[in-house]
């Protein structure tokens, strides 16, 4: 699910156009497992600081087609890596140290 800051981006005509292009480029297949691609993934994840950087948000070199399962796995791995490195993203996409988290 898109974060609050990125919803306008994902609803834009420009994103929908590049998303369709990436899925066609990857022949409608998940580049990880070969199943039908349903989503386009940003290798460098979007955050409030980079969403307006076209080289990250819209450039085809940062985008791949994935099925829902592989897309979920990519984000789960990213969160796992962040936690193991001592940092996580808060709900607004900002990096915070685990030590500074209050739950």
Protein backbone atom coordinates (compact mmCIF):
# COMPACT_ATOMS: atom_id res chain seq x y z
CA UNK A 1 0.00 0.00 0.00
CA UNK A 2 1.28 3.44 -0.90
CA UNK A 3 2.33 5.70 1.92
CA UNK A 4 0.49 8.96 2.45
CA UNK A 5 3.20 11.13 0.86
CA UNK A 6 3.28 9.02 -2.31
CA UNK A 7 -0.42 8.59 -3.08
CA UNK A 8 -0.62 11.61 -5.46
CA UNK A 9 2.47 10.30 -7.27
CA UNK A 10 1.00 6.82 -7.78
CA UNK A 11 -2.29 8.34 -9.00
CA UNK A 12 -0.55 10.52 -11.58
CA UNK A 13 -0.89 10.01 -15.33
CA UNK A 14 2.92 10.04 -15.65
CA UNK A 15 3.35 7.16 -13.17
CA UNK A 16 0.64 5.08 -14.82
CA UNK A 17 2.34 5.59 -18.19
CA UNK A 18 5.81 4.52 -16.97
CA UNK A 19 4.28 1.64 -14.97
CA UNK A 20 2.62 0.28 -18.11
CA UNK A 21 5.86 0.71 -20.05
CA UNK A 22 7.90 -1.20 -17.42
CA UNK A 23 5.46 -4.11 -17.32
CA UNK A 24 5.53 -4.32 -21.14
CA UNK A 25 9.34 -3.99 -21.15
CA UNK A 26 9.55 -6.97 -18.79
CA UNK A 27 7.14 -8.93 -21.00
CA UNK A 28 4.41 -8.96 -18.31
CA UNK A 29 6.57 -11.27 -16.16
CA UNK A 30 7.98 -10.95 -12.67
CA UNK A 31 11.73 -10.51 -13.08
CA UNK A 32 12.36 -12.58 -9.93
CA UNK A 33 10.20 -15.68 -10.38
CA UNK A 34 8.68 -15.52 -13.87
CA UNK A 35 5.05 -15.39 -12.74
CA UNK A 36 2.67 -12.76 -14.11
CA UNK A 37 3.84 -9.27 -13.11
CA UNK A 38 1.22 -7.21 -11.30
CA UNK A 39 3.28 -4.41 -9.78
CA UNK A 40 6.25 -2.18 -10.52
CA UNK A 41 8.91 -1.93 -7.82
CA UNK A 42 11.36 0.89 -7.12
CA UNK A 43 14.80 -0.63 -6.40
CA UNK A 44 15.66 2.58 -4.55
CA UNK A 45 12.55 3.00 -2.45
CA UNK A 46 10.64 6.26 -2.57
CA UNK A 47 10.65 8.61 0.40
CA UNK A 48 9.64 12.24 0.87
CA UNK A 49 13.19 13.36 0.10
CA UNK A 50 13.54 11.60 -3.27
CA UNK A 51 10.04 11.31 -4.70
CA UNK A 52 10.58 14.39 -6.89
CA UNK A 53 13.89 13.08 -8.22
CA UNK A 54 12.90 11.69 -11.63
CA UNK A 55 16.01 9.48 -11.74
CA UNK A 56 14.64 7.60 -8.72
CA UNK A 57 10.88 7.88 -9.07
CA UNK A 58 10.44 7.53 -12.83
CA UNK A 59 13.63 6.27 -14.47
CA UNK A 60 13.40 2.81 -15.97
CA UNK A 61 16.77 1.79 -14.50
CA UNK A 62 15.22 1.97 -11.00
CA UNK A 63 12.03 0.08 -11.89
CA UNK A 64 11.28 -3.62 -12.23
CA UNK A 65 8.13 -5.70 -12.70
CA UNK A 66 7.20 -8.07 -9.90
CA UNK A 67 4.34 -10.34 -8.94
CA UNK A 68 2.59 -9.48 -5.66
CA UNK A 69 4.43 -12.19 -3.71
CA UNK A 70 7.90 -11.11 -4.85
CA UNK A 71 7.04 -7.44 -4.28
CA UNK A 72 6.00 -8.26 -0.72
CA UNK A 73 9.22 -10.23 -0.23
CA UNK A 74 11.30 -7.29 -1.50
CA UNK A 75 9.73 -4.93 1.01
CA UNK A 76 9.93 -7.47 3.83
CA UNK A 77 13.66 -7.99 3.09
CA UNK A 78 14.23 -4.22 3.01
CA UNK A 79 12.58 -3.82 6.42
CA UNK A 80 14.61 -6.74 7.76
CA UNK A 81 17.84 -5.19 6.45
CA UNK A 82 16.95 -1.83 7.97
CA UNK A 83 16.25 -3.34 11.36
CA UNK A 84 19.45 -5.38 11.30
CA UNK A 85 21.40 -2.21 10.50
CA UNK A 86 19.80 -0.35 13.43
CA UNK A 87 17.55 1.93 11.36
CA UNK A 88 13.96 1.81 10.17
CA UNK A 89 11.59 4.09 8.27
CA UNK A 90 8.81 5.80 10.20
CA UNK A 91 5.27 6.17 8.78
CA UNK A 92 6.30 9.30 6.90
CA UNK A 93 9.28 7.62 5.23
CA UNK A 94 11.97 9.21 7.38
CA UNK A 95 14.89 7.14 8.67
CA UNK A 96 15.07 6.78 12.44
CA UNK A 97 17.41 4.87 14.73
CA UNK A 98 15.86 1.92 16.50
CA UNK A 99 17.33 3.20 19.80
CA UNK A 100 15.24 6.37 19.44
CA UNK A 101 11.98 4.52 18.78
CA UNK A 102 9.33 4.65 21.46
CA UNK A 103 6.64 2.01 21.28
